Amino acid sequence: MADIIAREVRLKRRPAGVPGADDFEIEETALPAPGPGQVLCATRLLSLDPYMRGQISGRHLTGAVNPGEAMRGESICEVVQSNDPAWIPGDRVLLHGHWRSHQLADASQLSAVDARIERPSLALGILGMPGLTAYAGLLYLGAPKAGDTLVVSAAAGAVGSMVGQIGKIAGCRVIGIAGGPEKCAWLTGAAGFDGAIDYKAEEIAAALQRLCPNGIDIYFDNVGGTVLDAAMWRLALGARVVLCGLIAQYNRDDLPPGPNPATIIKARATVRGLVVYDHAHRRGEFLDRALAWLGQGRLHYREALFAGLENAPAAFARLMAGATFGKVIVKL
């Protein structure tokens, strides 16, 4: 088989502030025929996630993406050619590869998309890595109890919306922080949150005082910065804080001051950092429960779909500017 000429998105330069589409470039690369134990796949769906901003800044635990290198991310692919008996052409697989039209990978890097997932894009969203992040972070680090007040930031995003909905299933009173009236209306409507704070229209500290008069029992943070600081001042006694993401800091070169340690001491709070890879062994448990909840109509989701690999840079720029609503996916 001749080489496959694949198209890929490369980082052109490290962005200053919010990334723009012109910080990336589309190039061609030749992929050789798969060797022993390798599989050639065609990318069908590509996941865009905020953590990728940390990669292009060189500050993410999964390593840096340097200028001239292809962007990395999770994708759903279709097997085109296989030199491993575990996979045959036509198989639908998950792969953590590149922003690329075709992927060449070792067979061990692939995992099957669960046959129970009827809408493939959900395997990149509420039934995928963002869903597992929310599930493990809330249930195993946040330890919710019925009657707890749960506050989640970036609440209309893929992770935050799932945190809030699982919190409701666990019996919590849920308050979401998001940007804009459309997102807040969806949170208190379809997603079933008890309240929502539009950080673009209302001062967060005052809103938290109004909506959480008895304090916050669980704070699930996807943002960092001033939002985290405001939430820490409202912690209830024995509060649990789950630190998941730092959207407010990804586009900054300087780091803002952290929360006042006095807020942790005063609340006798527990603060835990969340890395989803630590919970990979819970994937089966999570998927069984999440599929059941979805079938019962207890989980709702939003997706922001973009068509064509050439539009991935602009889609990522919109994501990092807060201009998307729901899980961002590029369809190839």
Protein backbone atom coordinates (compact mmCIF):
# COMPACT_ATOMS: atom_id res chain seq x y z
CA MET A 1 0.00 0.00 0.00
CA ALA A 2 1.35 3.44 -0.96
CA ASP A 3 1.84 6.19 1.58
CA ILE A 4 -1.30 8.02 2.68
CA ILE A 5 -1.12 11.80 2.37
CA ALA A 6 -2.88 13.08 5.47
CA ARG A 7 -3.86 16.66 6.30
CA GLU A 8 -3.06 17.88 9.81
CA VAL A 9 -3.34 21.00 11.94
CA ARG A 10 -0.01 22.22 13.28
CA LEU A 11 0.78 24.88 15.83
CA LYS A 12 2.28 27.77 13.88
CA ARG A 13 3.31 29.84 16.89
CA ARG A 14 2.58 30.04 20.57
CA PRO A 15 -0.35 32.45 20.95
CA ALA A 16 -0.27 35.48 23.18
CA GLY A 17 -3.55 35.48 25.08
CA VAL A 18 -6.60 33.95 23.45
CA PRO A 19 -5.55 31.80 20.47
CA GLY A 20 -6.57 32.86 16.98
CA ALA A 21 -7.10 30.70 13.92
CA ASP A 22 -3.93 32.18 12.42
CA ASP A 23 -1.85 30.64 15.23
CA PHE A 24 -2.30 27.33 13.40
CA GLU A 25 -1.67 26.04 9.91
CA ILE A 26 -2.94 23.15 7.77
CA GLU A 27 -0.19 21.00 6.27
CA GLU A 28 0.15 17.63 4.58
CA THR A 29 2.14 14.73 5.95
CA ALA A 30 2.88 11.28 4.51
CA LEU A 31 1.90 8.27 6.58
CA PRO A 32 3.51 4.95 5.65
CA ALA A 33 1.58 1.73 5.29
CA PRO A 34 0.92 0.15 8.69
CA GLY A 35 3.64 -2.17 9.93
CA PRO A 36 3.16 -5.30 12.04
CA GLY A 37 0.73 -4.63 14.89
CA GLN A 38 -0.26 -1.25 13.48
CA VAL A 39 -3.58 0.14 12.26
CA LEU A 40 -4.40 2.91 9.78
CA CYS A 41 -7.55 4.86 10.63
CA ALA A 42 -9.59 7.65 9.07
CA THR A 43 -10.61 10.33 11.55
CA ARG A 44 -14.36 10.92 11.70
CA LEU A 45 -14.82 13.09 14.81
CA LEU A 46 -12.24 15.21 16.62
CA SER A 47 -12.61 16.47 20.19
CA LEU A 48 -11.47 20.00 21.08
CA ASP A 49 -10.94 20.62 24.79
CA PRO A 50 -9.68 23.51 26.95
CA TYR A 51 -6.73 21.51 28.33
CA MET A 52 -5.14 21.77 24.86
CA ARG A 53 -4.43 25.44 25.58
CA GLY A 54 -2.11 24.25 28.35
CA GLN A 55 -0.34 21.98 25.89
CA ILE A 56 0.44 24.78 23.45
CA SER A 57 1.72 26.90 26.34
CA GLY A 58 3.97 24.03 27.44
CA ARG A 59 2.28 23.88 30.86
CA HIS A 60 0.23 20.67 30.70
CA LEU A 61 1.08 17.38 32.42
CA THR A 62 0.66 15.52 29.11
CA GLY A 63 3.53 17.50 27.61
CA ALA A 64 3.93 20.42 25.25
CA VAL A 65 2.88 20.91 21.64
CA ASN A 66 5.66 22.96 20.08
CA PRO A 67 5.47 25.20 16.99
CA GLY A 68 5.66 23.05 13.89
CA GLU A 69 4.13 20.04 15.62
CA ALA A 70 0.66 18.61 15.02
CA MET A 71 -1.98 19.33 17.65
CA ARG A 72 -2.98 16.35 19.76
CA GLY A 73 -6.40 15.20 20.86
CA GLU A 74 -8.91 12.41 21.21
CA SER A 75 -10.82 11.29 18.15
CA ILE A 76 -13.26 8.73 16.89
CA CYS A 77 -11.85 6.95 13.87
CA GLU A 78 -12.77 4.23 11.41
CA VAL A 79 -10.24 1.47 10.77
CA VAL A 80 -9.08 1.51 7.13
CA GLN A 81 -6.30 -1.09 7.23
CA SER A 82 -5.20 -3.34 10.07
CA ASN A 83 -2.16 -5.51 10.65
CA ASP A 84 -3.50 -6.72 13.98
CA PRO A 85 -6.19 -9.38 14.41
CA ALA A 86 -7.98 -7.35 17.09
CA TRP A 87 -9.19 -4.78 14.53
CA ILE A 88 -10.77 -5.04 11.08
CA PRO A 89 -11.65 -2.38 8.49
CA GLY A 90 -14.84 -0.58 9.44
CA ASP A 91 -14.32 -0.86 13.20
CA ARG A 92 -15.19 2.32 15.11
CA VAL A 93 -12.45 3.17 17.60
CA LEU A 94 -11.29 5.80 20.07
CA LEU A 95 -7.74 7.06 19.69
CA HIS A 96 -5.71 9.76 21.38
CA GLY A 97 -3.83 10.92 18.31
CA HIS A 98 -3.52 14.16 16.36
CA TRP A 99 -5.67 16.74 14.63
CA ARG A 100 -5.22 14.79 11.41
CA SER A 101 -7.37 13.33 8.64
CA HIS A 102 -5.76 9.90 9.05
CA GLN A 103 -4.00 8.27 12.00
CA LEU A 104 -1.35 5.55 12.08
CA ALA A 105 -1.22 3.90 15.48
CA ASP A 106 -0.18 0.79 17.32
CA ALA A 107 -3.16 -1.49 17.83
CA SER A 108 -2.71 -1.22 21.60
CA GLN A 109 -3.49 2.52 21.41
CA LEU A 110 -7.03 1.89 20.18
CA SER A 111 -10.15 1.17 22.18
CA ALA A 112 -13.56 0.24 20.84
CA VAL A 113 -16.45 2.69 20.95
CA ASP A 114 -19.04 0.96 23.13
CA ALA A 115 -21.74 -0.53 20.91
CA ARG A 116 -24.41 0.85 23.26
CA ILE A 117 -23.50 4.43 22.30
CA GLU A 118 -25.89 5.22 19.45
CA ARG A 119 -24.62 8.76 18.82
CA PRO A 120 -20.83 8.45 18.29
CA SER A 121 -20.06 12.05 19.31
CA LEU A 122 -21.24 11.29 22.85
CA ALA A 123 -18.17 9.05 23.23
CA LEU A 124 -16.16 12.30 23.16
CA GLY A 125 -18.54 14.15 25.48
CA ILE A 126 -20.86 13.09 28.27
CA LEU A 127 -20.08 9.39 27.69
CA GLY A 128 -16.37 10.01 27.17
CA MET A 129 -13.46 11.70 28.88
CA PRO A 130 -15.41 14.83 29.98
CA GLY A 131 -18.16 12.64 31.44
CA LEU A 132 -15.69 10.44 33.30
CA THR A 133 -13.95 13.57 34.61
CA ALA A 134 -17.23 14.85 36.05
CA TYR A 135 -18.30 11.46 37.41
CA ALA A 136 -15.04 10.54 39.15
CA GLY A 137 -14.31 14.06 40.35
CA LEU A 138 -17.69 14.63 41.90
CA LEU A 139 -18.49 11.18 43.30
CA TYR A 140 -15.02 10.11 44.45
CA LEU A 141 -13.41 13.44 45.36
CA GLY A 142 -16.43 15.63 46.08
CA ALA A 143 -18.28 12.86 47.97
CA PRO A 144 -21.77 14.39 47.62
CA LYS A 145 -24.51 13.80 50.15
CA ALA A 146 -28.22 14.48 49.75
CA GLY A 147 -28.92 18.07 50.70
CA ASP A 148 -25.41 19.35 49.93
CA THR A 149 -25.06 22.63 48.07
CA LEU A 150 -22.88 22.05 45.01
CA VAL A 151 -21.45 24.92 42.99
CA VAL A 152 -19.72 24.29 39.65
CA SER A 153 -17.95 26.80 37.42
CA ALA A 154 -17.89 26.66 33.60
CA ALA A 155 -21.20 24.93 34.23
CA ALA A 156 -22.45 24.95 30.64
CA GLY A 157 -19.33 23.18 29.37
CA ALA A 158 -18.92 19.47 28.74
CA VAL A 159 -17.54 18.72 32.21
CA GLY A 160 -19.43 21.31 34.25
CA SER A 161 -22.88 20.44 32.90
CA MET A 162 -22.28 16.77 33.67
CA VAL A 163 -21.08 17.59 37.21
CA GLY A 164 -24.26 19.50 37.94
CA GLN A 165 -26.57 16.83 36.56
CA ILE A 166 -24.84 14.04 38.46
CA GLY A 167 -25.07 16.26 41.53
CA LYS A 168 -28.83 16.49 41.08
CA ILE A 169 -29.03 12.70 40.77
CA ALA A 170 -27.09 12.49 44.05
CA GLY A 171 -29.62 14.76 45.76
CA CYS A 172 -27.63 18.00 45.82
CA ARG A 173 -28.85 21.53 45.41
CA VAL A 174 -26.87 22.70 42.36
CA ILE A 175 -25.76 26.20 41.38
CA GLY A 176 -23.91 26.74 38.11
CA ILE A 177 -21.66 29.62 37.05
CA ALA A 178 -21.65 30.36 33.31
CA GLY A 179 -21.36 33.24 30.88
CA GLY A 180 -24.46 34.65 29.22
CA PRO A 181 -28.24 34.37 29.58
CA GLU A 182 -28.61 31.55 27.02
CA LYS A 183 -26.29 29.26 28.94
CA CYS A 184 -27.84 30.12 32.29
CA ALA A 185 -31.35 29.51 30.97
CA TRP A 186 -30.32 26.07 29.69
CA LEU A 187 -28.77 25.21 33.06
CA THR A 188 -31.91 26.00 35.03
CA GLY A 189 -34.14 24.59 32.30
CA ALA A 190 -33.09 21.42 30.48
CA ALA A 191 -30.16 20.60 32.77
CA GLY A 192 -32.25 20.97 35.94
CA PHE A 193 -29.90 23.17 38.00
CA ASP A 194 -31.47 24.96 40.95
CA GLY A 195 -29.82 28.26 40.11
CA ALA A 196 -27.33 29.87 37.74
CA ILE A 197 -25.00 32.85 37.96
CA ASP A 198 -24.17 34.81 34.83
CA TYR A 199 -20.68 36.03 35.64
CA LYS A 200 -20.90 38.52 32.78
CA ALA A 201 -23.91 40.25 34.35
CA GLU A 202 -23.58 39.77 38.10
CA GLU A 203 -20.82 40.04 40.67
CA ILE A 204 -20.00 36.45 41.63
CA ALA A 205 -19.39 36.97 45.33
CA ALA A 206 -22.74 38.71 45.80
CA ALA A 207 -24.55 36.08 43.76
CA LEU A 208 -23.03 33.25 45.79
CA GLN A 209 -24.05 34.96 49.02
CA ARG A 210 -27.61 35.22 47.69
CA LEU A 211 -27.87 31.69 46.28
CA CYS A 212 -25.79 29.88 48.92
CA PRO A 213 -26.84 31.48 52.22
CA ASN A 214 -25.62 28.47 54.20
CA GLY A 215 -22.38 28.18 52.30
CA ILE A 216 -21.00 25.81 49.67
CA ASP A 217 -20.54 22.16 50.61
CA ILE A 218 -18.87 21.15 47.33
CA TYR A 219 -17.15 23.48 44.89
CA PHE A 220 -16.12 21.93 41.57
CA ASP A 221 -13.75 24.33 39.86
CA ASN A 222 -13.04 24.40 36.14
CA VAL A 223 -11.92 28.03 35.99
CA GLY A 224 -9.46 29.18 38.66
CA GLY A 225 -8.71 32.88 39.10
CA THR A 226 -11.24 35.25 40.62
CA VAL A 227 -14.11 32.75 40.34
CA LEU A 228 -12.26 30.25 42.49
CA ASP A 229 -11.36 32.97 44.97
CA ALA A 230 -14.99 34.10 45.32
CA ALA A 231 -16.21 30.54 45.87
CA MET A 232 -13.59 29.84 48.53
CA TRP A 233 -14.93 32.66 50.69
CA ARG A 234 -18.37 30.96 50.75
CA LEU A 235 -17.24 27.48 51.82
CA ALA A 236 -19.33 25.75 54.46
CA LEU A 237 -17.80 23.86 57.36
CA GLY A 238 -16.25 20.63 56.11
CA ALA A 239 -16.48 21.68 52.44
CA ARG A 240 -14.85 19.69 49.65
CA VAL A 241 -13.16 21.54 46.79
CA VAL A 242 -12.35 19.71 43.55
CA LEU A 243 -9.82 21.49 41.33
CA CYS A 244 -10.29 20.28 37.75
CA GLY A 245 -9.43 23.05 35.28
CA LEU A 246 -8.03 26.56 34.93
CA ILE A 247 -9.83 28.09 31.98
CA ALA A 248 -9.33 31.61 33.33
CA GLN A 249 -5.56 31.08 33.37
CA TYR A 250 -4.93 29.11 30.17
CA ASN A 251 -4.70 32.25 28.03
CA ARG A 252 -2.41 34.09 30.48
CA ASP A 253 1.37 34.08 30.66
CA ASP A 254 1.35 35.38 34.24
CA LEU A 255 -0.36 33.49 37.05
CA PRO A 256 -2.90 35.33 39.23
CA PRO A 257 -2.71 35.08 43.03
CA GLY A 258 -4.29 31.97 44.49
CA PRO A 259 -7.07 31.76 47.10
CA ASN A 260 -6.41 32.95 50.62
CA PRO A 261 -5.40 29.89 52.70
CA ALA A 262 -7.48 31.30 55.53
CA THR A 263 -10.62 30.28 53.63
CA ILE A 264 -9.50 26.64 53.71
CA ILE A 265 -8.56 26.73 57.37
CA LYS A 266 -11.76 28.47 58.43
CA ALA A 267 -13.97 25.91 56.65
CA ARG A 268 -11.77 22.92 57.62
CA ALA A 269 -12.04 22.23 53.92
CA THR A 270 -10.54 19.44 51.86
CA VAL A 271 -9.01 20.51 48.54
CA ARG A 272 -8.28 17.81 45.96
CA GLY A 273 -6.70 18.04 42.52
CA LEU A 274 -8.39 16.00 39.78
CA VAL A 275 -6.55 14.27 36.94
CA VAL A 276 -8.94 12.08 34.96
CA TYR A 277 -6.24 9.59 33.97
CA ASP A 278 -6.06 8.49 37.60
CA HIS A 279 -9.62 7.21 37.24
CA ALA A 280 -9.32 5.28 33.98
CA HIS A 281 -10.15 2.07 35.84
CA ARG A 282 -13.61 3.49 36.59
CA ARG A 283 -14.56 3.85 32.92
CA GLY A 284 -16.72 0.73 32.79
CA GLU A 285 -18.58 1.61 35.98
CA PHE A 286 -19.09 5.16 34.76
CA LEU A 287 -20.35 4.14 31.34
CA ASP A 288 -22.85 1.65 32.75
CA ARG A 289 -24.35 4.26 35.06
CA ALA A 290 -24.21 7.15 32.58
CA LEU A 291 -25.93 5.13 29.84
CA ALA A 292 -28.68 4.22 32.29
CA TRP A 293 -29.13 7.86 33.34
CA LEU A 294 -29.21 8.96 29.70
CA GLY A 295 -31.82 6.34 28.87
CA GLN A 296 -33.93 7.53 31.81
CA GLY A 297 -33.84 11.11 30.50
CA ARG A 298 -31.78 12.30 33.47
CA LEU A 299 -28.83 13.61 31.44
CA HIS A 300 -28.96 16.38 28.86
CA TYR A 301 -26.21 17.79 26.68
CA ARG A 302 -25.28 20.44 24.15
CA GLU A 303 -22.81 20.05 21.30
CA ALA A 304 -21.06 22.66 19.17
CA LEU A 305 -20.33 20.91 15.87
CA PHE A 306 -17.94 22.26 13.25
CA ALA A 307 -17.49 20.73 9.79
CA GLY A 308 -14.06 20.13 8.26
CA LEU A 309 -10.54 19.84 9.64
CA GLU A 310 -9.77 23.25 8.14
CA ASN A 311 -12.21 24.79 10.63
CA ALA A 312 -10.63 23.22 13.71
CA PRO A 313 -8.37 26.25 14.41
CA ALA A 314 -11.30 28.67 14.34
CA ALA A 315 -13.40 26.31 16.47
CA PHE A 316 -10.62 26.09 19.06
CA ALA A 317 -10.24 29.87 19.08
CA ARG A 318 -13.98 30.22 19.75
CA LEU A 319 -13.79 27.63 22.53
CA MET A 320 -10.99 29.47 24.29
CA ALA A 321 -12.77 32.82 23.89
CA GLY A 322 -15.86 31.41 25.61
CA ALA A 323 -17.89 31.75 22.41
CA THR A 324 -19.07 28.13 22.17
CA PHE A 325 -21.90 26.36 23.97
CA GLY A 326 -21.48 22.69 24.80
CA LYS A 327 -18.97 20.03 23.77
CA VAL A 328 -16.88 21.21 20.82
CA ILE A 329 -16.46 18.58 18.10
CA VAL A 330 -15.08 18.78 14.57
CA LYS A 331 -16.61 16.42 12.02
CA LEU A 332 -14.33 15.29 9.20
